[in-house]
């Protein structure tokens, strides 16, 4: 908010800040095109805080984001860096799978130390995406001479990706906090979580229609948002009190 032009609106239920940023971060300022908000409707009701990224020309954002991440990673230590080299892992390959939406959620906490995070990627082809990640988990298991964790759940399959802070490798510091990384697909969305039970609860929320898209209260909120925004931060204040 240090550089840009914004409008500020407040009424009895909502605080709404919207406008254009001229921030120096190229990965942020590269958002210039129409956006999509299909993903927001499946956010679970216990979402406390959500970042939503979308663009009809998301490829230009991907390039800027990866360039930004390379600068950050060059000055930091990643405990998995040697493993990534041995696996010939390239974050660009993950970016190539993404369609036009990314969501990073923090769920309501019971304590201020109990971090529960979700990362959602809307992908171009769910078959190719699952094949890529399944092969990645198999490569890691083979390298570590370990078994693969998988669990059938709600017509799909949960897998464990044993890489510390994996989403951060291609989304940067916005997606930190994934010490553990479980994933499952729902339609054309690939969903990561740092907590196995929360991932199961996320899928249950969709199946039981406990989502923003099915909530009268949240639908009222969503009518107030700027649907053309390419980068949005949503905060459900009562659920965010421990964050």
Protein backbone atom coordinates (compact mmCIF):
# COMPACT_ATOMS: atom_id res chain seq x y z
CA UNK A 1 0.00 0.00 0.00
CA UNK A 2 3.02 2.31 0.02
CA UNK A 3 2.73 3.15 -3.67
CA UNK A 4 -0.48 3.24 -5.65
CA UNK A 5 -3.98 4.70 -5.73
CA UNK A 6 -6.78 3.11 -3.69
CA UNK A 7 -10.38 3.73 -2.77
CA UNK A 8 -11.54 2.99 0.76
CA UNK A 9 -15.12 2.00 1.58
CA UNK A 10 -16.61 0.97 4.90
CA UNK A 11 -20.14 0.15 5.97
CA UNK A 12 -21.70 -1.82 8.83
CA UNK A 13 -20.25 -5.15 7.66
CA UNK A 14 -17.36 -4.58 5.26
CA UNK A 15 -14.09 -2.75 4.84
CA UNK A 16 -13.10 -2.63 1.18
CA UNK A 17 -9.79 -1.23 -0.17
CA UNK A 18 -9.29 -1.46 -3.92
CA UNK A 19 -7.11 0.14 -6.56
CA UNK A 20 -3.86 -0.08 -8.51
CA UNK A 21 -0.40 -0.76 -7.12
CA UNK A 22 2.81 0.69 -8.50
CA UNK A 23 4.97 -1.41 -6.19
CA UNK A 24 8.52 -2.14 -7.22
CA UNK A 25 7.94 -5.90 -7.12
CA UNK A 26 7.71 -6.93 -10.77
CA UNK A 27 5.93 -10.18 -9.92
CA UNK A 28 3.09 -8.12 -8.46
CA UNK A 29 2.97 -5.31 -11.03
CA UNK A 30 2.88 -7.81 -13.90
CA UNK A 31 -0.81 -8.42 -13.16
CA UNK A 32 -2.55 -6.37 -15.81
CA UNK A 33 -5.24 -8.51 -17.40
CA UNK A 34 -8.69 -9.90 -16.70
CA UNK A 35 -9.02 -12.31 -13.81
CA UNK A 36 -11.06 -15.37 -12.89
CA UNK A 37 -12.58 -16.14 -9.49
CA UNK A 38 -13.90 -19.70 -9.90
CA UNK A 39 -11.66 -20.90 -7.08
CA UNK A 40 -13.03 -18.54 -4.43
CA UNK A 41 -16.34 -20.41 -4.31
CA UNK A 42 -14.64 -23.58 -2.94
CA UNK A 43 -12.80 -21.80 -0.11
CA UNK A 44 -13.97 -23.55 3.09
CA UNK A 45 -16.04 -21.61 5.61
CA UNK A 46 -13.26 -21.81 8.22
CA UNK A 47 -10.92 -19.78 5.97
CA UNK A 48 -9.46 -16.93 8.02
CA UNK A 49 -7.21 -15.32 5.43
CA UNK A 50 -6.88 -15.91 1.70
CA UNK A 51 -4.62 -14.66 -1.07
CA UNK A 52 -6.04 -15.03 -4.56
CA UNK A 53 -3.93 -14.58 -7.70
CA UNK A 54 -5.45 -14.64 -11.18
CA UNK A 55 -4.78 -13.32 -14.66
CA UNK A 56 -5.84 -14.14 -18.21
CA UNK A 57 -2.17 -13.66 -19.11
CA UNK A 58 -0.72 -15.47 -16.11
CA UNK A 59 2.32 -16.63 -18.12
CA UNK A 60 3.87 -13.16 -17.84
CA UNK A 61 3.30 -13.25 -14.09
CA UNK A 62 4.88 -16.71 -13.85
CA UNK A 63 8.10 -15.45 -15.44
CA UNK A 64 8.27 -12.42 -13.15
CA UNK A 65 7.45 -14.54 -10.10
CA UNK A 66 10.18 -17.10 -10.86
CA UNK A 67 12.71 -14.32 -11.43
CA UNK A 68 11.74 -12.80 -8.06
CA UNK A 69 12.04 -16.19 -6.32
CA UNK A 70 15.50 -16.84 -7.79
CA UNK A 71 16.74 -13.57 -6.28
CA UNK A 72 15.30 -14.49 -2.87
CA UNK A 73 16.62 -18.06 -2.96
CA UNK A 74 20.11 -16.92 -3.92
CA UNK A 75 20.44 -15.29 -0.49
CA UNK A 76 18.73 -18.02 1.56
CA UNK A 77 19.31 -21.65 2.47
CA UNK A 78 16.89 -24.40 1.45
CA UNK A 79 17.43 -27.73 3.24
CA UNK A 80 16.08 -29.56 0.18
CA UNK A 81 18.32 -27.79 -2.35
CA UNK A 82 20.68 -30.76 -2.84
CA UNK A 83 17.74 -33.09 -3.32
CA UNK A 84 16.19 -30.78 -5.94
CA UNK A 85 19.44 -30.88 -7.89
CA UNK A 86 19.61 -34.67 -7.75
CA UNK A 87 15.99 -34.92 -8.89
CA UNK A 88 16.59 -32.38 -11.67
CA UNK A 89 13.60 -30.46 -10.33
CA UNK A 90 12.71 -27.21 -12.08
CA UNK A 91 9.98 -24.94 -10.60
CA UNK A 92 9.14 -23.77 -14.12
CA UNK A 93 7.71 -27.24 -14.78
CA UNK A 94 5.21 -26.68 -11.97
CA UNK A 95 4.32 -23.22 -13.27
CA UNK A 96 3.67 -24.69 -16.73
CA UNK A 97 0.92 -26.87 -15.21
CA UNK A 98 -0.98 -23.92 -13.69
CA UNK A 99 -3.93 -22.44 -15.57
CA UNK A 100 -5.14 -19.00 -14.40
CA UNK A 101 -5.75 -19.13 -10.63
CA UNK A 102 -3.73 -19.64 -7.45
CA UNK A 103 -5.05 -19.53 -3.90
CA UNK A 104 -3.15 -19.56 -0.60
CA UNK A 105 -5.31 -19.92 2.50
CA UNK A 106 -4.76 -19.78 6.23
CA UNK A 107 -7.53 -21.55 8.11
CA UNK A 108 -8.95 -20.55 11.47
CA UNK A 109 -6.60 -21.48 14.33
CA UNK A 110 -7.40 -22.69 17.80
CA UNK A 111 -4.14 -21.14 19.07
CA UNK A 112 -1.75 -18.58 17.61
CA UNK A 113 0.84 -21.34 17.02
CA UNK A 114 -1.45 -23.78 15.23
CA UNK A 115 -0.77 -22.92 11.55
CA UNK A 116 -3.13 -24.56 9.05
CA UNK A 117 -2.41 -23.70 5.43
CA UNK A 118 -3.88 -24.63 2.07
CA UNK A 119 -2.46 -23.96 -1.41
CA UNK A 120 -4.79 -24.40 -4.39
CA UNK A 121 -3.66 -24.49 -8.01
CA UNK A 122 -6.13 -24.38 -10.88
CA UNK A 123 -4.39 -26.52 -13.50
CA UNK A 124 -4.72 -26.89 -17.25
CA UNK A 125 -4.85 -30.71 -17.30
CA UNK A 126 -5.43 -32.59 -14.05
CA UNK A 127 -4.25 -35.88 -15.56
CA UNK A 128 -0.86 -34.46 -16.58
CA UNK A 129 -0.57 -32.65 -13.25
CA UNK A 130 -1.21 -35.75 -11.15
CA UNK A 131 1.21 -37.72 -13.32
CA UNK A 132 3.91 -35.08 -12.72
CA UNK A 133 3.48 -35.03 -8.94
CA UNK A 134 3.06 -38.78 -8.61
CA UNK A 135 6.31 -39.27 -10.51
CA UNK A 136 7.98 -36.70 -8.26
CA UNK A 137 6.90 -38.52 -5.08
CA UNK A 138 8.09 -41.82 -6.57
CA UNK A 139 11.50 -40.32 -7.44
CA UNK A 140 11.90 -39.01 -3.89
CA UNK A 141 10.90 -42.35 -2.38
CA UNK A 142 13.37 -44.17 -4.61
CA UNK A 143 16.15 -41.71 -3.78
CA UNK A 144 15.50 -42.03 -0.03
CA UNK A 145 14.76 -45.76 -0.23
CA UNK A 146 11.45 -45.07 1.44
CA UNK A 147 7.83 -46.03 0.86
CA UNK A 148 5.16 -43.79 -0.72
CA UNK A 149 2.33 -42.57 1.49
CA UNK A 150 -1.01 -42.67 -0.28
CA UNK A 151 -4.55 -42.95 0.99
CA UNK A 152 -7.80 -43.28 -0.99
CA UNK A 153 -10.15 -40.50 0.05
CA UNK A 154 -13.47 -39.26 -1.34
CA UNK A 155 -13.12 -40.87 -4.80
CA UNK A 156 -9.57 -39.54 -5.13
CA UNK A 157 -6.20 -40.16 -3.54
CA UNK A 158 -4.19 -38.26 -0.97
CA UNK A 159 -0.41 -38.41 -1.37
CA UNK A 160 2.40 -37.11 0.79
CA UNK A 161 5.12 -35.05 -0.87
CA UNK A 162 8.14 -35.27 1.48
CA UNK A 163 9.64 -31.88 0.62
CA UNK A 164 9.92 -29.08 3.16
CA UNK A 165 8.06 -25.91 2.10
CA UNK A 166 7.48 -27.19 -1.45
CA UNK A 167 4.93 -24.49 -2.56
CA UNK A 168 7.48 -21.81 -1.65
CA UNK A 169 9.86 -23.10 -4.37
CA UNK A 170 7.55 -21.79 -7.13
CA UNK A 171 5.34 -19.23 -5.33
CA UNK A 172 7.90 -17.59 -3.06
CA UNK A 173 7.50 -16.38 0.53
CA UNK A 174 3.75 -15.95 0.06
CA UNK A 175 3.46 -19.75 0.27
CA UNK A 176 5.74 -20.54 3.19
CA UNK A 177 4.64 -22.60 6.21
CA UNK A 178 4.30 -26.01 4.50
CA UNK A 179 6.63 -28.05 6.69
CA UNK A 180 4.56 -31.07 5.61
CA UNK A 181 2.88 -31.27 2.23
CA UNK A 182 -0.09 -33.51 1.46
CA UNK A 183 -2.02 -33.17 -1.79
CA UNK A 184 -5.23 -34.28 -3.49
CA UNK A 185 -7.19 -33.17 -6.53
CA UNK A 186 -10.74 -31.87 -6.79
CA UNK A 187 -11.96 -31.45 -10.38
CA UNK A 188 -9.28 -29.29 -12.06
CA UNK A 189 -7.85 -28.02 -8.76
CA UNK A 190 -4.75 -29.47 -7.09
CA UNK A 191 -4.89 -28.87 -3.35
CA UNK A 192 -1.92 -28.92 -0.96
CA UNK A 193 -2.09 -28.77 2.83
CA UNK A 194 0.44 -28.79 5.66
CA UNK A 195 -1.97 -30.90 7.72
CA UNK A 196 -3.49 -34.24 6.67
CA UNK A 197 -6.68 -33.86 8.73
CA UNK A 198 -7.25 -30.33 7.42
CA UNK A 199 -6.91 -31.57 3.84
CA UNK A 200 -9.57 -34.20 4.51
CA UNK A 201 -11.74 -31.57 6.18
CA UNK A 202 -11.30 -29.31 3.15
CA UNK A 203 -12.68 -32.00 0.81
CA UNK A 204 -15.49 -32.74 3.30
CA UNK A 205 -16.37 -29.03 3.35
CA UNK A 206 -16.77 -29.07 -0.44
CA UNK A 207 -18.84 -32.26 -0.37
CA UNK A 208 -21.04 -30.91 2.45
CA UNK A 209 -21.32 -27.45 0.83
CA UNK A 210 -19.62 -25.70 3.75
CA UNK A 211 -17.86 -23.28 1.42
CA UNK A 212 -17.86 -19.57 0.64
CA UNK A 213 -19.83 -20.24 -2.54
CA UNK A 214 -22.64 -21.95 -0.60
CA UNK A 215 -22.73 -19.56 2.35
CA UNK A 216 -25.32 -16.77 2.26
CA UNK A 217 -23.12 -14.62 4.51
CA UNK A 218 -20.00 -15.08 2.38
CA UNK A 219 -21.93 -14.66 -0.87
CA UNK A 220 -23.05 -11.29 0.46
CA UNK A 221 -19.37 -10.50 1.10
CA UNK A 222 -18.29 -11.70 -2.36
CA UNK A 223 -20.77 -9.32 -4.00
CA UNK A 224 -18.65 -6.47 -2.60
CA UNK A 225 -15.25 -7.62 -3.91
CA UNK A 226 -13.48 -6.33 -7.00
CA UNK A 227 -13.82 -9.30 -9.38
CA UNK A 228 -11.43 -7.70 -11.87
CA UNK A 229 -8.57 -7.61 -9.34
CA UNK A 230 -5.59 -9.77 -10.23
CA UNK A 231 -4.24 -9.97 -6.68
CA UNK A 232 -6.59 -10.04 -3.70
CA UNK A 233 -6.33 -10.51 0.05
CA UNK A 234 -9.50 -11.57 1.88
CA UNK A 235 -9.68 -11.50 5.68
CA UNK A 236 -12.54 -13.01 7.71
CA UNK A 237 -11.80 -11.02 10.86
CA UNK A 238 -13.60 -13.18 13.50
CA UNK A 239 -11.84 -16.31 12.21
CA UNK A 240 -8.47 -14.53 11.90
CA UNK A 241 -8.19 -13.41 15.55
CA UNK A 242 -5.44 -15.98 16.33
CA UNK A 243 -3.34 -15.13 13.25
